């Protein structure tokens, strides 16, 4: 279970990832750590990467 603060922080990082903004290595490590254990986060990260890919084309 994620705390509200953690969920909001992850969503902010995922939004930046989706729009092609800078995401630090530490933030990417956090995303990976949570996405391994929480399928909801993994789905949001995958969705963000698809959005970024469509944005870049």
Protein backbone atom coordinates (compact mmCIF):
# COMPACT_ATOMS: atom_id res chain seq x y z
CA UNK A 1 0.00 0.00 0.00
CA UNK A 2 1.30 3.44 -0.93
CA UNK A 3 0.95 6.51 1.23
CA UNK A 4 -0.72 9.49 -0.38
CA UNK A 5 2.55 11.40 -0.36
CA UNK A 6 4.41 8.59 -2.11
CA UNK A 7 1.66 8.10 -4.68
CA UNK A 8 1.60 11.81 -5.53
CA UNK A 9 5.40 11.91 -5.83
CA UNK A 10 5.37 8.88 -8.16
CA UNK A 11 2.57 10.37 -10.28
CA UNK A 12 4.53 13.61 -10.63
CA UNK A 13 7.62 11.69 -11.80
CA UNK A 14 5.50 9.61 -14.20
CA UNK A 15 3.92 12.77 -15.66
CA UNK A 16 7.36 14.26 -16.29
CA UNK A 17 8.48 11.00 -17.88
CA UNK A 18 5.45 11.03 -20.18
CA UNK A 19 6.06 14.60 -21.36
CA UNK A 20 9.77 14.09 -22.00
CA UNK A 21 10.97 16.30 -19.16
CA UNK A 22 14.05 15.51 -17.10
CA UNK A 23 13.80 12.58 -14.69
CA UNK A 24 16.82 11.94 -12.50
CA UNK A 25 18.48 8.57 -12.06
CA UNK A 26 17.32 8.45 -8.43
CA UNK A 27 13.72 9.04 -9.52
CA UNK A 28 13.98 6.32 -12.18
CA UNK A 29 15.30 3.92 -9.55
CA UNK A 30 12.33 4.76 -7.32
CA UNK A 31 9.92 4.09 -10.17
CA UNK A 32 11.57 0.75 -10.89
CA UNK A 33 11.49 -0.26 -7.22
CA UNK A 34 7.78 0.48 -6.87
CA UNK A 35 6.79 -0.90 -10.27
CA UNK A 36 8.35 -4.29 -9.45
CA UNK A 37 6.12 -4.65 -6.38
CA UNK A 38 3.00 -2.68 -7.34
CA UNK A 39 1.36 -3.53 -10.69
CA UNK A 40 -0.60 -0.26 -10.73
CA UNK A 41 2.65 1.72 -10.80
CA UNK A 42 4.09 -0.55 -13.49
CA UNK A 43 1.02 0.06 -15.65
CA UNK A 44 1.25 3.82 -15.20
CA UNK A 45 4.94 3.81 -16.14
CA UNK A 46 4.25 1.73 -19.26
CA UNK A 47 1.42 4.07 -20.22
CA UNK A 48 3.68 7.10 -19.71
CA UNK A 49 6.37 5.59 -21.92
CA UNK A 50 3.79 4.95 -24.67
CA UNK A 51 2.58 8.56 -24.38
CA UNK A 52 6.15 9.86 -24.62
CA UNK A 53 6.81 7.69 -27.64
CA UNK A 54 3.72 9.07 -29.37
CA UNK A 55 4.75 12.60 -28.33
CA UNK A 56 8.19 12.25 -29.92
CA UNK A 57 6.90 10.96 -33.27
